[in-house]
Amino acid sequence: MSGHLQHPDRDPDRRQLVAQQQEPFGSVLSCIDSRVPPELLFDTGLGDLYVMRTGAQTVDPVVTGSVEYGPMTSGTPLVVVLGHQRCGAVKAAYQSLRDGKPLPGNLQAIVTALRPAYEQAVREGGADPVETMARAQAKLTATALRSNEDLAPLVRKGSLAVVGAYYSLDTGKVEVLSGAPS
């Protein structure tokens, strides 16, 4: 947030160290938005994060398997589902669902995946329903991953936290929305 970046673990020595094996300390499922690259937002280096990016953190079996990879193969203890301010995918899906106008091509799959977040945002109301929907999507996806049949046992025994979070483009702040470890 302050702009005092450390840029850790981004030199040739680090590349050599992680070339044969990786042990990331976290996984981040974030949006494809060009303004939200997790490695830069969290000021991490090579080998520090597993990163999956989809439109508005939508999941399907391949994405879910990608999220499962770190915790299930190398004991990665943290998964962050990172929504963000002014998400274009959420805005497009919101407008599509509100107006009953499908989006072209495979974009409609994103709209379909975002329907539960849309319905929650409509129920909750608020000054900006698109931002409400973006926050709802991060929380719903984190909840679904927390209760996933393969990840839930790791969550129950305390070896994995699955956190829903929200990134402000304006301030650079990441707000934890759900699933923070106690």
Protein backbone atom coordinates (compact mmCIF):
# COMPACT_ATOMS: atom_id res chain seq x y z
CA MET A 1 0.00 0.00 0.00
CA SER A 2 2.78 2.42 0.89
CA GLY A 3 4.72 1.84 -2.30
CA HIS A 4 7.81 0.70 -0.37
CA LEU A 5 8.32 -2.51 -2.31
CA GLN A 6 11.03 -4.94 -1.35
CA HIS A 7 10.95 -7.07 -4.51
CA PRO A 8 12.19 -10.14 -2.63
CA ASP A 9 13.38 -13.31 -4.29
CA ARG A 10 13.53 -11.97 -7.85
CA ASP A 11 17.18 -12.39 -8.70
CA PRO A 12 19.14 -15.08 -10.56
CA ASP A 13 20.11 -16.74 -7.26
CA ARG A 14 16.45 -17.24 -6.37
CA ARG A 15 15.70 -18.55 -9.85
CA GLN A 16 18.47 -21.13 -9.41
CA LEU A 17 17.20 -22.07 -5.95
CA VAL A 18 13.64 -22.77 -7.11
CA ALA A 19 14.56 -24.22 -10.51
CA GLN A 20 14.48 -27.82 -9.26
CA GLN A 21 11.73 -27.59 -6.62
CA GLN A 22 9.09 -25.19 -5.41
CA GLU A 23 7.46 -24.71 -2.01
CA PRO A 24 5.13 -21.70 -2.28
CA PHE A 25 3.76 -20.37 1.00
CA GLY A 26 0.40 -19.49 -0.55
CA SER A 27 -2.00 -19.85 -3.44
CA VAL A 28 -4.00 -16.98 -4.90
CA LEU A 29 -7.06 -17.30 -7.09
CA SER A 30 -7.63 -13.88 -8.58
CA CYS A 31 -9.20 -12.17 -11.55
CA ILE A 32 -7.64 -11.89 -14.99
CA ASP A 33 -7.77 -8.10 -14.65
CA SER A 34 -4.45 -6.58 -15.75
CA ARG A 35 -4.46 -4.29 -12.71
CA VAL A 36 -4.50 -7.16 -10.20
CA PRO A 37 -1.34 -9.31 -10.57
CA PRO A 38 -0.99 -11.15 -7.22
CA GLU A 39 2.78 -11.45 -7.35
CA LEU A 40 3.08 -7.68 -7.58
CA LEU A 41 0.23 -6.82 -5.18
CA PHE A 42 1.76 -8.96 -2.45
CA ASP A 43 5.36 -8.06 -3.40
CA THR A 44 6.44 -11.68 -3.68
CA GLY A 45 9.15 -13.40 -5.64
CA LEU A 46 9.83 -16.45 -7.74
CA GLY A 47 8.49 -19.61 -6.14
CA ASP A 48 6.48 -17.80 -3.44
CA LEU A 49 2.93 -18.23 -4.80
CA TYR A 50 0.80 -20.54 -6.84
CA VAL A 51 -1.40 -18.20 -8.90
CA MET A 52 -4.59 -19.02 -10.76
CA ARG A 53 -6.43 -16.27 -12.63
CA THR A 54 -9.93 -16.47 -14.08
CA GLY A 55 -12.61 -13.94 -14.90
CA ALA A 56 -13.99 -12.83 -11.51
CA GLN A 57 -12.43 -15.81 -9.70
CA THR A 58 -14.89 -18.21 -11.33
CA VAL A 59 -14.12 -21.88 -10.89
CA ASP A 60 -14.65 -25.08 -12.80
CA PRO A 61 -13.10 -28.51 -12.16
CA VAL A 62 -9.77 -27.56 -13.78
CA VAL A 63 -9.45 -24.36 -11.73
CA THR A 64 -10.51 -26.17 -8.56
CA GLY A 65 -7.87 -28.82 -9.23
CA SER A 66 -5.31 -26.08 -9.73
CA VAL A 67 -6.26 -24.54 -6.37
CA GLU A 68 -6.06 -27.97 -4.71
CA TYR A 69 -2.58 -28.62 -6.09
CA GLY A 70 -0.56 -26.61 -3.55
CA PRO A 71 -2.35 -27.68 -0.37
CA MET A 72 -2.65 -31.30 -1.46
CA THR A 73 0.83 -31.87 -2.91
CA SER A 74 3.13 -29.61 -0.94
CA GLY A 75 1.16 -28.55 2.12
CA THR A 76 0.68 -24.93 1.04
CA PRO A 77 -1.12 -23.50 4.09
CA LEU A 78 -2.99 -20.58 2.54
CA VAL A 79 -5.42 -20.02 -0.32
CA VAL A 80 -6.60 -16.47 -0.99
CA VAL A 81 -9.58 -15.83 -3.26
CA LEU A 82 -8.97 -12.24 -4.30
CA GLY A 83 -11.82 -10.14 -5.66
CA HIS A 84 -11.25 -6.52 -6.59
CA GLN A 85 -12.75 -3.10 -7.08
CA ARG A 86 -14.24 -2.22 -10.47
CA CYS A 87 -14.13 -5.77 -11.81
CA GLY A 88 -15.10 -5.68 -15.47
CA ALA A 89 -16.21 -9.33 -15.51
CA VAL A 90 -18.50 -8.76 -12.54
CA LYS A 91 -19.90 -5.58 -14.09
CA ALA A 92 -20.60 -7.31 -17.42
CA ALA A 93 -22.23 -10.28 -15.68
CA TYR A 94 -24.30 -8.01 -13.44
CA GLN A 95 -25.63 -6.08 -16.44
CA SER A 96 -26.27 -9.29 -18.39
CA LEU A 97 -28.23 -10.87 -15.55
CA ARG A 98 -30.09 -7.66 -14.69
CA ASP A 99 -31.09 -7.00 -18.29
CA GLY A 100 -31.60 -10.63 -19.35
CA LYS A 101 -29.15 -10.22 -22.24
CA PRO A 102 -26.63 -13.06 -22.65
CA LEU A 103 -23.01 -12.23 -23.38
CA PRO A 104 -21.41 -13.62 -26.54
CA GLY A 105 -19.39 -16.81 -26.79
CA ASN A 106 -17.92 -18.40 -23.70
CA LEU A 107 -18.34 -15.17 -21.74
CA GLN A 108 -21.79 -16.49 -20.90
CA ALA A 109 -20.12 -19.25 -18.82
CA ILE A 110 -18.71 -16.52 -16.57
CA VAL A 111 -22.17 -14.97 -16.27
CA THR A 112 -23.64 -18.34 -15.30
CA ALA A 113 -20.92 -18.91 -12.70
CA LEU A 114 -21.56 -15.46 -11.21
CA ARG A 115 -25.32 -15.90 -10.84
CA PRO A 116 -25.14 -16.82 -7.10
CA ALA A 117 -23.10 -13.67 -6.38
CA TYR A 118 -25.58 -11.62 -8.41
CA GLU A 119 -28.51 -13.05 -6.47
CA GLN A 120 -26.76 -12.34 -3.18
CA ALA A 121 -25.98 -8.76 -4.26
CA VAL A 122 -29.62 -8.20 -5.23
CA ARG A 123 -30.75 -9.48 -1.81
CA GLU A 124 -28.20 -7.35 0.07
CA GLY A 125 -28.74 -4.17 -1.92
CA GLY A 126 -26.29 -1.38 -1.19
CA ALA A 127 -25.09 1.75 -2.87
CA ASP A 128 -23.09 -0.07 -5.56
CA PRO A 129 -24.52 -3.48 -6.45
CA VAL A 130 -21.56 -4.34 -8.70
CA GLU A 131 -19.10 -3.90 -5.82
CA THR A 132 -21.45 -5.85 -3.54
CA MET A 133 -21.45 -8.61 -6.16
CA ALA A 134 -17.64 -8.59 -6.46
CA ARG A 135 -17.29 -9.01 -2.69
CA ALA A 136 -19.98 -11.69 -2.65
CA GLN A 137 -18.16 -13.61 -5.39
CA ALA A 138 -14.89 -13.69 -3.44
CA LYS A 139 -16.68 -14.87 -0.30
CA LEU A 140 -18.80 -17.48 -2.10
CA THR A 141 -15.81 -18.92 -3.94
CA ALA A 142 -13.74 -19.07 -0.75
CA THR A 143 -16.62 -20.78 1.07
CA ALA A 144 -17.01 -23.32 -1.73
CA LEU A 145 -13.28 -24.10 -1.68
CA ARG A 146 -13.26 -24.34 2.14
CA SER A 147 -16.03 -26.94 1.96
CA ASN A 148 -14.54 -28.79 -1.03
CA GLU A 149 -14.33 -32.50 -0.19
CA ASP A 150 -10.55 -32.57 -0.59
CA LEU A 151 -9.70 -29.23 1.04
CA ALA A 152 -12.24 -29.35 3.90
CA PRO A 153 -10.26 -31.94 5.93
CA LEU A 154 -7.16 -29.71 5.74
CA VAL A 155 -9.22 -26.70 6.85
CA ARG A 156 -10.76 -28.67 9.74
CA LYS A 157 -7.38 -29.79 11.06
CA GLY A 158 -6.01 -26.24 10.79
CA SER A 159 -3.32 -26.90 8.19
CA LEU A 160 -5.08 -24.78 5.55
CA ALA A 161 -6.83 -21.41 5.60
CA VAL A 162 -9.01 -20.42 2.64
CA VAL A 163 -9.59 -16.68 2.76
CA GLY A 164 -11.91 -14.47 0.75
CA ALA A 165 -10.38 -11.04 0.20
CA TYR A 166 -10.98 -7.83 -1.72
CA TYR A 167 -8.38 -5.54 -3.33
CA SER A 168 -8.98 -1.80 -3.65
CA LEU A 169 -7.57 -0.41 -6.86
CA ASP A 170 -7.74 3.07 -5.34
CA THR A 171 -5.76 2.42 -2.16
CA GLY A 172 -3.85 -0.83 -2.74
CA LYS A 173 -5.37 -2.28 0.43
CA VAL A 174 -6.36 -5.94 0.63
CA GLU A 175 -9.31 -6.47 2.97
CA VAL A 176 -9.99 -9.94 4.38
CA LEU A 177 -13.68 -10.72 3.92
CA SER A 178 -14.00 -14.27 5.22
CA GLY A 179 -12.10 -17.31 6.40
CA ALA A 180 -9.34 -15.60 8.34
CA PRO A 181 -7.55 -18.12 10.57
CA SER A 182 -8.16 -17.66 14.26
